[in-house]
Amino acid sequence: MAIDKKIGIILASTRYVRQGLGVANYIHGLVEPLAAKAGVSIDIIDLADHPLPFYDEPAYPMMLPKDNPSPHYINSYAKKWSTIISQYHAYIFVTPEYNGSIPAVLKNALDHLFHEWRGKPVGIVSYGTAGGARASVHLAEILSIFKVNTVATKVTFKSSPKAHDFYVAAKAPQPEDVQRWKDDGSEGAVGVMVAEILGSLLG
């Protein structure tokens, strides 16, 4: 029996005042109809809903059984995180740029696992006043350690620096940003990225 394929949109910002949820919801709205045509489902995985301490397991993640690592974690939160991520066949990371890199909470979430990420198609969406390009580059370098298939098209969304209140209240981007993304091709790049992910996922 065929296994239903699932893509997880991983939201990397956990700050209370954040643009990330609005960006992730926007991405979900763009990706869902494209994925649905291919029979693939989409979920948002908000790291704010999955708090993790710094890694404190007795074994390195890469040393766990690669076929089913989840039961071999000691701590319940690590087991849960492993089980959640293992359900997905591809990922889209939605990350801001903090001081030239990705949020520490994203690096920690990645480092908690190993085999769960390995070999899967991945897309990267970054956002911020300058588009988050440095975070995107750094994330791609980190993901290469996990031997994922990071697709060629990276999406960068330049967002207004004074729009946080709108994003928080509406859980959506402000209209001016959306128009900018349409005009500069960022929105169109999402479709290209998704096509690359689906091509890798479905062969």
N, C-alpha and C. Protein backbone atom coordinates (compact mmCIF):
# COMPACT_ATOMS: atom_id res chain seq x y z
N MET A 1 0.85 -1.20 0.00
CA MET A 1 0.00 0.00 0.00
C MET A 1 0.88 1.24 0.00
N ALA A 2 0.55 2.20 -0.83
CA ALA A 2 1.33 3.44 -0.92
C ALA A 2 1.23 4.24 0.37
N ILE A 3 2.35 4.86 0.74
CA ILE A 3 2.39 5.70 1.93
C ILE A 3 2.10 7.13 1.54
N ASP A 4 1.15 7.76 2.21
CA ASP A 4 0.85 9.17 1.95
C ASP A 4 2.06 10.02 2.30
N LYS A 5 2.44 10.89 1.40
CA LYS A 5 3.60 11.74 1.62
C LYS A 5 3.20 13.02 2.34
N LYS A 6 4.09 13.49 3.21
CA LYS A 6 3.81 14.69 4.00
C LYS A 6 5.02 15.61 4.00
N ILE A 7 4.76 16.90 3.87
CA ILE A 7 5.80 17.93 3.98
C ILE A 7 5.55 18.74 5.24
N GLY A 8 6.57 18.92 6.04
CA GLY A 8 6.47 19.74 7.24
C GLY A 8 7.11 21.10 7.02
N ILE A 9 6.35 22.16 7.28
CA ILE A 9 6.88 23.52 7.24
C ILE A 9 7.35 23.85 8.66
N ILE A 10 8.64 23.93 8.86
CA ILE A 10 9.20 24.11 10.19
C ILE A 10 9.47 25.59 10.45
N LEU A 11 8.72 26.14 11.39
CA LEU A 11 8.86 27.55 11.76
C LEU A 11 9.92 27.69 12.83
N ALA A 12 10.98 28.44 12.52
CA ALA A 12 12.18 28.44 13.36
C ALA A 12 12.19 29.51 14.44
N SER A 13 11.32 30.50 14.36
CA SER A 13 11.30 31.55 15.38
C SER A 13 10.32 31.21 16.48
N THR A 14 10.75 31.36 17.73
CA THR A 14 9.87 31.11 18.87
C THR A 14 9.63 32.37 19.69
N ARG A 15 10.08 33.49 19.20
CA ARG A 15 9.89 34.74 19.93
C ARG A 15 8.41 35.10 20.01
N TYR A 16 8.03 35.74 21.10
CA TYR A 16 6.63 36.15 21.27
C TYR A 16 6.25 37.16 20.19
N VAL A 17 7.10 38.15 19.99
CA VAL A 17 6.88 39.13 18.92
C VAL A 17 7.71 38.66 17.72
N ARG A 18 7.03 38.09 16.77
CA ARG A 18 7.71 37.50 15.62
C ARG A 18 6.87 37.66 14.36
N GLN A 19 7.58 37.78 13.26
CA GLN A 19 6.91 37.80 11.95
C GLN A 19 6.74 36.38 11.41
N GLY A 20 7.42 35.44 12.03
CA GLY A 20 7.54 34.10 11.48
C GLY A 20 6.23 33.36 11.26
N LEU A 21 5.29 33.48 12.20
CA LEU A 21 4.04 32.75 12.03
C LEU A 21 3.26 33.27 10.83
N GLY A 22 3.30 34.59 10.63
CA GLY A 22 2.65 35.16 9.45
C GLY A 22 3.29 34.67 8.17
N VAL A 23 4.62 34.60 8.15
CA VAL A 23 5.33 34.11 6.97
C VAL A 23 5.02 32.63 6.74
N ALA A 24 5.03 31.84 7.81
CA ALA A 24 4.76 30.40 7.68
C ALA A 24 3.34 30.16 7.17
N ASN A 25 2.39 30.92 7.68
CA ASN A 25 1.00 30.77 7.22
C ASN A 25 0.88 31.14 5.74
N TYR A 26 1.60 32.18 5.35
CA TYR A 26 1.60 32.61 3.95
C TYR A 26 2.19 31.52 3.05
N ILE A 27 3.31 30.95 3.49
CA ILE A 27 3.95 29.87 2.74
C ILE A 27 3.00 28.68 2.63
N HIS A 28 2.35 28.35 3.74
CA HIS A 28 1.40 27.23 3.75
C HIS A 28 0.30 27.45 2.70
N GLY A 29 -0.20 28.68 2.64
CA GLY A 29 -1.26 28.99 1.68
C GLY A 29 -0.81 28.85 0.23
N LEU A 30 0.46 29.15 -0.03
CA LEU A 30 0.99 29.00 -1.37
C LEU A 30 1.28 27.54 -1.73
N VAL A 31 1.80 26.82 -0.75
CA VAL A 31 2.29 25.46 -1.01
C VAL A 31 1.16 24.44 -1.03
N GLU A 32 0.15 24.62 -0.19
CA GLU A 32 -0.87 23.58 -0.01
C GLU A 32 -1.55 23.18 -1.32
N PRO A 33 -2.03 24.13 -2.13
CA PRO A 33 -2.70 23.70 -3.38
C PRO A 33 -1.76 23.00 -4.35
N LEU A 34 -0.49 23.42 -4.38
CA LEU A 34 0.48 22.78 -5.26
C LEU A 34 0.76 21.35 -4.81
N ALA A 35 0.90 21.17 -3.51
CA ALA A 35 1.16 19.84 -2.96
C ALA A 35 -0.06 18.94 -3.10
N ALA A 36 -1.25 19.51 -2.89
CA ALA A 36 -2.48 18.72 -2.95
C ALA A 36 -2.66 18.10 -4.33
N LYS A 37 -2.29 18.83 -5.37
CA LYS A 37 -2.40 18.30 -6.73
C LYS A 37 -1.54 17.05 -6.91
N ALA A 38 -0.47 16.96 -6.13
CA ALA A 38 0.42 15.81 -6.20
C ALA A 38 0.08 14.76 -5.14
N GLY A 39 -0.99 14.99 -4.38
CA GLY A 39 -1.39 14.04 -3.35
C GLY A 39 -0.54 14.10 -2.10
N VAL A 40 0.07 15.24 -1.85
CA VAL A 40 0.96 15.43 -0.70
C VAL A 40 0.32 16.40 0.28
N SER A 41 0.37 16.09 1.57
CA SER A 41 -0.21 16.96 2.59
C SER A 41 0.86 17.85 3.22
N ILE A 42 0.41 18.95 3.82
CA ILE A 42 1.30 19.97 4.37
C ILE A 42 0.87 20.31 5.79
N ASP A 43 1.83 20.38 6.70
CA ASP A 43 1.56 20.83 8.07
C ASP A 43 2.61 21.87 8.47
N ILE A 44 2.22 22.77 9.37
CA ILE A 44 3.19 23.67 10.00
C ILE A 44 3.65 23.05 11.31
N ILE A 45 4.95 22.97 11.49
CA ILE A 45 5.55 22.51 12.74
C ILE A 45 6.21 23.71 13.39
N ASP A 46 5.55 24.25 14.40
CA ASP A 46 6.02 25.47 15.07
C ASP A 46 6.93 25.06 16.23
N LEU A 47 8.20 25.44 16.17
CA LEU A 47 9.12 25.07 17.24
C LEU A 47 8.70 25.62 18.60
N ALA A 48 7.87 26.66 18.60
CA ALA A 48 7.36 27.18 19.86
C ALA A 48 6.47 26.16 20.57
N ASP A 49 5.91 25.23 19.82
CA ASP A 49 5.05 24.19 20.38
C ASP A 49 5.83 22.96 20.82
N HIS A 50 7.14 22.95 20.56
CA HIS A 50 7.96 21.78 20.86
C HIS A 50 9.25 22.20 21.56
N PRO A 51 9.14 22.72 22.78
CA PRO A 51 10.34 23.18 23.49
C PRO A 51 11.29 22.04 23.80
N LEU A 52 12.57 22.29 23.56
CA LEU A 52 13.60 21.29 23.82
C LEU A 52 14.73 21.94 24.62
N PRO A 53 15.25 21.25 25.63
CA PRO A 53 16.45 21.76 26.30
C PRO A 53 17.66 21.56 25.40
N PHE A 54 18.80 22.08 25.80
CA PHE A 54 20.00 21.72 25.07
C PHE A 54 20.20 20.21 25.17
N TYR A 55 20.76 19.63 24.14
CA TYR A 55 20.82 18.18 24.02
C TYR A 55 21.44 17.53 25.25
N ASP A 56 20.70 16.60 25.84
CA ASP A 56 21.17 15.96 27.08
C ASP A 56 20.94 14.45 27.06
N GLU A 57 20.92 13.86 25.87
CA GLU A 57 20.80 12.41 25.76
C GLU A 57 22.17 11.75 25.96
N PRO A 58 22.19 10.52 26.46
CA PRO A 58 23.48 9.86 26.69
C PRO A 58 24.17 9.38 25.42
N ALA A 59 23.43 9.22 24.33
CA ALA A 59 24.01 8.75 23.07
C ALA A 59 23.91 9.82 22.01
N TYR A 60 24.89 9.84 21.11
CA TYR A 60 24.82 10.76 19.98
C TYR A 60 23.68 10.32 19.05
N PRO A 61 22.92 11.25 18.47
CA PRO A 61 21.81 10.86 17.59
C PRO A 61 22.24 9.97 16.43
N MET A 62 23.42 10.24 15.87
CA MET A 62 23.85 9.44 14.72
C MET A 62 24.20 8.00 15.10
N MET A 63 24.37 7.74 16.41
CA MET A 63 24.70 6.40 16.86
C MET A 63 23.48 5.54 17.12
N LEU A 64 22.30 6.13 17.06
CA LEU A 64 21.07 5.37 17.28
C LEU A 64 20.70 4.58 16.02
N PRO A 65 19.87 3.54 16.17
CA PRO A 65 19.48 2.75 14.99
C PRO A 65 18.81 3.63 13.94
N LYS A 66 19.31 3.57 12.72
CA LYS A 66 18.84 4.50 11.70
C LYS A 66 17.43 4.18 11.22
N ASP A 67 17.00 2.93 11.32
CA ASP A 67 15.68 2.56 10.81
C ASP A 67 14.54 3.04 11.70
N ASN A 68 14.78 3.11 13.01
CA ASN A 68 13.73 3.54 13.94
C ASN A 68 14.38 4.10 15.21
N PRO A 69 14.92 5.30 15.14
CA PRO A 69 15.65 5.84 16.30
C PRO A 69 14.76 6.27 17.45
N SER A 70 13.50 6.59 17.20
CA SER A 70 12.65 7.23 18.20
C SER A 70 12.60 6.51 19.55
N PRO A 71 12.40 5.19 19.59
CA PRO A 71 12.30 4.51 20.90
C PRO A 71 13.59 4.51 21.70
N HIS A 72 14.70 4.85 21.05
CA HIS A 72 16.00 4.71 21.69
C HIS A 72 16.47 5.99 22.39
N TYR A 73 15.69 7.06 22.28
CA TYR A 73 15.98 8.24 23.08
C TYR A 73 15.53 7.99 24.52
N ILE A 74 16.18 8.61 25.47
CA ILE A 74 15.88 8.40 26.88
C ILE A 74 14.77 9.34 27.35
N ASN A 75 14.88 10.60 26.96
CA ASN A 75 13.95 11.62 27.45
C ASN A 75 12.68 11.66 26.62
N SER A 76 11.56 11.91 27.28
CA SER A 76 10.26 11.88 26.60
C SER A 76 10.17 12.95 25.51
N TYR A 77 10.76 14.14 25.76
CA TYR A 77 10.66 15.22 24.77
C TYR A 77 11.47 14.88 23.53
N ALA A 78 12.58 14.18 23.70
CA ALA A 78 13.37 13.77 22.53
C ALA A 78 12.64 12.69 21.75
N LYS A 79 12.04 11.73 22.44
CA LYS A 79 11.24 10.71 21.76
C LYS A 79 10.12 11.35 20.95
N LYS A 80 9.43 12.31 21.59
CA LYS A 80 8.30 12.97 20.92
C LYS A 80 8.77 13.73 19.69
N TRP A 81 9.86 14.48 19.81
CA TRP A 81 10.37 15.26 18.68
C TRP A 81 10.80 14.33 17.55
N SER A 82 11.47 13.26 17.87
CA SER A 82 11.89 12.29 16.87
C SER A 82 10.68 11.68 16.16
N THR A 83 9.66 11.33 16.92
CA THR A 83 8.46 10.73 16.34
C THR A 83 7.75 11.69 15.39
N ILE A 84 7.66 12.96 15.80
CA ILE A 84 7.01 13.96 14.96
C ILE A 84 7.75 14.13 13.64
N ILE A 85 9.05 14.35 13.72
CA ILE A 85 9.83 14.61 12.51
C ILE A 85 9.88 13.39 11.60
N SER A 86 9.88 12.21 12.19
CA SER A 86 9.94 10.98 11.38
C SER A 86 8.70 10.78 10.53
N GLN A 87 7.61 11.43 10.87
CA GLN A 87 6.36 11.29 10.11
C GLN A 87 6.41 11.97 8.74
N TYR A 88 7.39 12.87 8.57
CA TYR A 88 7.42 13.70 7.36
C TYR A 88 8.49 13.21 6.39
N HIS A 89 8.21 13.45 5.12
CA HIS A 89 9.08 12.96 4.05
C HIS A 89 9.89 14.08 3.40
N ALA A 90 9.56 15.31 3.72
CA ALA A 90 10.28 16.48 3.22
C ALA A 90 9.96 17.65 4.15
N TYR A 91 10.80 18.69 4.07
CA TYR A 91 10.63 19.84 4.97
C TYR A 91 10.88 21.14 4.24
N ILE A 92 10.18 22.17 4.70
CA ILE A 92 10.48 23.54 4.30
C ILE A 92 10.79 24.31 5.58
N PHE A 93 12.00 24.78 5.70
CA PHE A 93 12.40 25.55 6.88
C PHE A 93 12.11 27.02 6.64
N VAL A 94 11.41 27.64 7.56
CA VAL A 94 11.09 29.07 7.50
C VAL A 94 11.84 29.74 8.63
N THR A 95 12.90 30.47 8.30
CA THR A 95 13.79 30.99 9.34
C THR A 95 14.06 32.48 9.20
N PRO A 96 14.11 33.18 10.32
CA PRO A 96 14.61 34.55 10.30
C PRO A 96 16.13 34.53 10.36
N GLU A 97 16.71 35.70 10.24
CA GLU A 97 18.15 35.85 10.45
C GLU A 97 18.37 36.60 11.75
N TYR A 98 19.05 35.95 12.70
CA TYR A 98 19.39 36.59 13.97
C TYR A 98 20.90 36.76 14.03
N ASN A 99 21.35 37.99 14.00
CA ASN A 99 22.78 38.29 14.12
C ASN A 99 23.62 37.48 13.13
N GLY A 100 23.15 37.42 11.90
CA GLY A 100 23.92 36.80 10.84
C GLY A 100 23.75 35.31 10.69
N SER A 101 22.84 34.68 11.46
CA SER A 101 22.70 33.24 11.38
C SER A 101 21.26 32.83 11.68
N ILE A 102 21.06 31.54 11.90
CA ILE A 102 19.74 31.01 12.23
C ILE A 102 19.50 31.12 13.74
N PRO A 103 18.26 31.03 14.19
CA PRO A 103 17.98 31.03 15.63
C PRO A 103 18.60 29.81 16.31
N ALA A 104 19.06 30.02 17.53
CA ALA A 104 19.66 28.91 18.29
C ALA A 104 18.67 27.77 18.49
N VAL A 105 17.38 28.12 18.62
CA VAL A 105 16.37 27.08 18.85
C VAL A 105 16.26 26.15 17.65
N LEU A 106 16.50 26.64 16.44
CA LEU A 106 16.49 25.79 15.26
C LEU A 106 17.71 24.88 15.25
N LYS A 107 18.87 25.43 15.54
CA LYS A 107 20.09 24.59 15.58
C LYS A 107 19.93 23.49 16.60
N ASN A 108 19.36 23.80 17.75
CA ASN A 108 19.16 22.79 18.79
C ASN A 108 18.17 21.72 18.34
N ALA A 109 17.10 22.13 17.68
CA ALA A 109 16.11 21.17 17.19
C ALA A 109 16.72 20.24 16.14
N LEU A 110 17.57 20.78 15.29
CA LEU A 110 18.26 19.95 14.31
C LEU A 110 19.21 18.98 14.99
N ASP A 111 19.97 19.47 15.96
CA ASP A 111 21.00 18.66 16.61
C ASP A 111 20.42 17.55 17.49
N HIS A 112 19.16 17.64 17.85
CA HIS A 112 18.54 16.58 18.66
C HIS A 112 18.37 15.29 17.85
N LEU A 113 18.40 15.40 16.54
CA LEU A 113 18.13 14.25 15.68
C LEU A 113 19.26 14.07 14.66
N PHE A 114 19.19 12.98 13.95
CA PHE A 114 20.13 12.78 12.84
C PHE A 114 19.47 11.99 11.72
N HIS A 115 19.18 10.72 11.96
CA HIS A 115 18.62 9.86 10.92
C HIS A 115 17.25 10.33 10.46
N GLU A 116 16.53 11.00 11.34
CA GLU A 116 15.20 11.47 11.00
C GLU A 116 15.22 12.48 9.84
N TRP A 117 16.31 13.23 9.71
CA TRP A 117 16.46 14.22 8.64
C TRP A 117 17.07 13.62 7.37
N ARG A 118 17.88 12.62 7.54
CA ARG A 118 18.82 12.16 6.52
C ARG A 118 18.13 11.78 5.21
N GLY A 119 18.65 12.32 4.13
CA GLY A 119 18.25 11.93 2.79
C GLY A 119 16.95 12.53 2.29
N LYS A 120 16.31 13.39 3.07
CA LYS A 120 15.00 13.91 2.67
C LYS A 120 15.12 15.24 1.92
N PRO A 121 14.19 15.53 1.04
CA PRO A 121 14.20 16.82 0.34
C PRO A 121 13.89 17.97 1.29
N VAL A 122 14.57 19.08 1.10
CA VAL A 122 14.44 20.23 1.98
C VAL A 122 14.43 21.51 1.16
N GLY A 123 13.53 22.43 1.53
CA GLY A 123 13.54 23.78 0.99
C GLY A 123 13.81 24.77 2.09
N ILE A 124 14.38 25.91 1.75
CA ILE A 124 14.72 26.94 2.72
C ILE A 124 14.06 28.26 2.33
N VAL A 125 13.30 28.81 3.28
CA VAL A 125 12.71 30.14 3.13
C VAL A 125 13.25 31.00 4.28
N SER A 126 13.86 32.11 3.95
CA SER A 126 14.35 33.03 4.98
C SER A 126 13.62 34.36 4.85
N TYR A 127 13.59 35.09 5.94
CA TYR A 127 12.89 36.38 5.92
C TYR A 127 13.56 37.34 6.88
N GLY A 128 13.28 38.63 6.67
CA GLY A 128 13.83 39.69 7.51
C GLY A 128 13.95 40.96 6.70
N THR A 129 14.44 42.00 7.34
CA THR A 129 14.52 43.29 6.66
C THR A 129 15.44 43.24 5.43
N ALA A 130 16.43 42.34 5.48
CA ALA A 130 17.32 42.16 4.32
C ALA A 130 17.09 40.82 3.65
N GLY A 131 16.04 40.11 4.03
CA GLY A 131 15.71 38.84 3.41
C GLY A 131 16.27 37.61 4.10
N GLY A 132 17.17 37.81 5.05
CA GLY A 132 17.71 36.67 5.79
C GLY A 132 18.66 35.79 4.99
N ALA A 133 19.35 36.37 4.01
CA ALA A 133 20.19 35.56 3.11
C ALA A 133 21.32 34.85 3.86
N ARG A 134 21.92 35.51 4.85
CA ARG A 134 23.02 34.86 5.58
C ARG A 134 22.53 33.67 6.38
N ALA A 135 21.34 33.78 6.94
CA ALA A 135 20.75 32.63 7.65
C ALA A 135 20.50 31.48 6.69
N SER A 136 20.03 31.79 5.49
CA SER A 136 19.76 30.77 4.49
C SER A 136 21.03 30.02 4.12
N VAL A 137 22.11 30.76 3.88
CA VAL A 137 23.39 30.14 3.53
C VAL A 137 23.89 29.27 4.67
N HIS A 138 23.82 29.79 5.88
CA HIS A 138 24.32 29.03 7.03
C HIS A 138 23.49 27.77 7.25
N LEU A 139 22.16 27.88 7.11
CA LEU A 139 21.30 26.72 7.29
C LEU A 139 21.62 25.64 6.25
N ALA A 140 21.83 26.04 5.02
CA ALA A 140 22.17 25.06 3.98
C ALA A 140 23.47 24.33 4.32
N GLU A 141 24.44 25.05 4.88
CA GLU A 141 25.71 24.43 5.29
C GLU A 141 25.48 23.41 6.41
N ILE A 142 24.65 23.79 7.38
CA ILE A 142 24.35 22.88 8.49
C ILE A 142 23.62 21.64 7.99
N LEU A 143 22.64 21.84 7.13
CA LEU A 143 21.84 20.72 6.64
C LEU A 143 22.67 19.74 5.82
N SER A 144 23.74 20.22 5.21
CA SER A 144 24.59 19.32 4.41
C SER A 144 25.19 18.22 5.28
N ILE A 145 25.37 18.49 6.58
CA ILE A 145 25.91 17.48 7.50
C ILE A 145 24.94 16.30 7.61
N PHE A 146 23.66 16.58 7.50
CA PHE A 146 22.64 15.53 7.62
C PHE A 146 22.37 14.82 6.29
N LYS A 147 23.11 15.19 5.25
CA LYS A 147 22.97 14.56 3.94
C LYS A 147 21.55 14.66 3.40
N VAL A 148 20.90 15.80 3.67
CA VAL A 148 19.57 16.03 3.09
C VAL A 148 19.74 16.48 1.64
N ASN A 149 18.65 16.48 0.92
CA ASN A 149 18.65 16.96 -0.46
C ASN A 149 18.05 18.37 -0.48
N THR A 150 18.88 19.36 -0.20
CA THR A 150 18.42 20.75 -0.22
C THR A 150 18.26 21.21 -1.66
N VAL A 151 17.05 21.62 -2.01
CA VAL A 151 16.78 21.98 -3.41
C VAL A 151 17.48 23.28 -3.77
N ALA A 152 17.64 23.50 -5.05
CA ALA A 152 18.46 24.62 -5.53
C ALA A 152 17.84 25.98 -5.23
N THR A 153 16.52 26.08 -5.35
CA THR A 153 15.86 27.38 -5.20
C THR A 153 15.68 27.72 -3.73
N LYS A 154 16.29 28.83 -3.32
CA LYS A 154 16.11 29.36 -1.96
C LYS A 154 15.24 30.62 -2.06
N VAL A 155 14.31 30.75 -1.14
CA VAL A 155 13.39 31.89 -1.15
C VAL A 155 13.77 32.86 -0.05
N THR A 156 13.86 34.14 -0.40
CA THR A 156 14.13 35.18 0.60
C THR A 156 13.02 36.22 0.55
N PHE A 157 12.41 36.48 1.69
CA PHE A 157 11.35 37.46 1.80
C PHE A 157 11.85 38.67 2.58
N LYS A 158 11.89 39.82 1.94
CA LYS A 158 12.23 41.06 2.64
C LYS A 158 10.97 41.62 3.28
N SER A 159 11.01 41.78 4.60
CA SER A 159 9.83 42.23 5.33
C SER A 159 10.09 43.60 5.97
N SER A 160 9.01 44.30 6.22
CA SER A 160 9.11 45.65 6.79
C SER A 160 9.53 45.57 8.25
N PRO A 161 10.54 46.37 8.65
CA PRO A 161 11.04 46.28 10.02
C PRO A 161 10.06 46.77 11.08
N LYS A 162 9.07 47.57 10.69
CA LYS A 162 8.13 48.12 11.67
C LYS A 162 6.76 47.45 11.60
N ALA A 163 6.72 46.24 11.03
CA ALA A 163 5.43 45.58 10.81
C ALA A 163 5.13 44.48 11.81
N HIS A 164 5.94 44.37 12.86
CA HIS A 164 5.78 43.24 13.79
C HIS A 164 4.39 43.19 14.41
N ASP A 165 3.86 44.34 14.79
CA ASP A 165 2.54 44.35 15.44
C ASP A 165 1.47 43.78 14.52
N PHE A 166 1.55 44.12 13.24
CA PHE A 166 0.58 43.59 12.28
C PHE A 166 0.72 42.08 12.17
N TYR A 167 1.94 41.60 12.00
CA TYR A 167 2.18 40.17 11.86
C TYR A 167 1.66 39.40 13.08
N VAL A 168 1.93 39.92 14.27
CA VAL A 168 1.52 39.24 15.50
C VAL A 168 0.00 39.20 15.61
N ALA A 169 -0.66 40.32 15.32
CA ALA A 169 -2.11 40.39 15.46
C ALA A 169 -2.83 39.58 14.38
N ALA A 170 -2.35 39.69 13.15
CA ALA A 170 -3.04 39.07 12.03
C ALA A 170 -2.59 37.64 11.75
N LYS A 171 -1.40 37.28 12.28
CA LYS A 171 -0.78 35.99 11.96
C LYS A 171 -0.65 35.83 10.44
N ALA A 172 -0.37 36.94 9.82
CA ALA A 172 -0.23 37.00 8.36
C ALA A 172 0.66 38.20 8.03
N PRO A 173 1.28 38.20 6.85
CA PRO A 173 2.09 39.35 6.45
C PRO A 173 1.22 40.56 6.17
N GLN A 174 1.80 41.74 6.34
CA GLN A 174 1.06 42.94 5.97
C GLN A 174 0.98 43.02 4.45
N PRO A 175 -0.09 43.63 3.93
CA PRO A 175 -0.30 43.65 2.47
C PRO A 175 0.86 44.27 1.69
N GLU A 176 1.52 45.26 2.27
CA GLU A 176 2.64 45.89 1.56
C GLU A 176 3.76 44.89 1.31
N ASP A 177 4.01 44.02 2.28
CA ASP A 177 5.05 43.01 2.11
C ASP A 177 4.65 41.99 1.06
N VAL A 178 3.39 41.56 1.11
CA VAL A 178 2.92 40.59 0.12
C VAL A 178 3.06 41.14 -1.30
N GLN A 179 2.72 42.41 -1.49
CA GLN A 179 2.85 43.03 -2.81
C GLN A 179 4.31 43.08 -3.23
N ARG A 180 5.20 43.39 -2.28
CA ARG A 180 6.62 43.42 -2.60
C ARG A 180 7.10 42.05 -3.07
N TRP A 181 6.64 41.00 -2.39
CA TRP A 181 7.06 39.63 -2.73
C TRP A 181 6.54 39.21 -4.11
N LYS A 182 5.36 39.70 -4.46
CA LYS A 182 4.85 39.43 -5.80
C LYS A 182 5.70 40.16 -6.84
N ASP A 183 6.01 41.41 -6.55
CA ASP A 183 6.72 42.25 -7.52
C ASP A 183 8.17 41.81 -7.71
N ASP A 184 8.83 41.38 -6.63
CA ASP A 184 10.26 41.05 -6.75
C ASP A 184 10.51 39.58 -7.10
N GLY A 185 9.44 38.80 -7.27
CA GLY A 185 9.60 37.41 -7.69
C GLY A 185 9.73 36.41 -6.57
N SER A 186 9.71 36.88 -5.32
CA SER A 186 9.87 35.96 -4.20
C SER A 186 8.71 34.97 -4.12
N GLU A 187 7.50 35.47 -4.35
CA GLU A 187 6.35 34.57 -4.30
C GLU A 187 6.45 33.51 -5.39
N GLY A 188 6.83 33.92 -6.58
CA GLY A 188 6.99 32.96 -7.67
C GLY A 188 8.05 31.92 -7.39
N ALA A 189 9.11 32.33 -6.65
CA ALA A 189 10.18 31.39 -6.32
C ALA A 189 9.69 30.26 -5.42
N VAL A 190 8.63 30.53 -4.64
CA VAL A 190 8.07 29.47 -3.79
C VAL A 190 7.56 28.32 -4.65
N GLY A 191 6.86 28.65 -5.73
CA GLY A 191 6.35 27.62 -6.62
C GLY A 191 7.46 26.79 -7.24
N VAL A 192 8.55 27.45 -7.62
CA VAL A 192 9.71 26.74 -8.19
C VAL A 192 10.31 25.81 -7.14
N MET A 193 10.49 26.32 -5.92
CA MET A 193 11.04 25.51 -4.83
C MET A 193 10.18 24.28 -4.57
N VAL A 194 8.86 24.48 -4.51
CA VAL A 194 7.95 23.36 -4.23
C VAL A 194 8.01 22.33 -5.35
N ALA A 195 8.09 22.78 -6.59
CA ALA A 195 8.21 21.85 -7.71
C ALA A 195 9.47 21.01 -7.59
N GLU A 196 10.55 21.62 -7.14
CA GLU A 196 11.80 20.89 -6.95
C GLU A 196 11.68 19.87 -5.81
N ILE A 197 11.02 20.27 -4.73
CA ILE A 197 10.82 19.35 -3.61
C ILE A 197 9.95 18.16 -4.04
N LEU A 198 8.86 18.45 -4.71
CA LEU A 198 7.95 17.38 -5.15
C LEU A 198 8.63 16.46 -6.16
N GLY A 199 9.45 17.06 -7.02
CA GLY A 199 10.18 16.24 -7.99
C GLY A 199 11.13 15.27 -7.30
N SER A 200 11.81 15.76 -6.26
CA SER A 200 12.71 14.90 -5.50
C SER A 200 11.95 13.87 -4.68
N LEU A 201 10.82 14.30 -4.12
CA LEU A 201 10.04 13.44 -3.23
C LEU A 201 9.34 12.32 -3.98
N LEU A 202 8.78 12.66 -5.12
CA LEU A 202 7.95 11.71 -5.85
C LEU A 202 8.65 11.03 -7.02
N GLY A 203 9.82 11.55 -7.33
CA GLY A 203 10.59 10.95 -8.41
C GLY A 203 9.99 11.22 -9.76
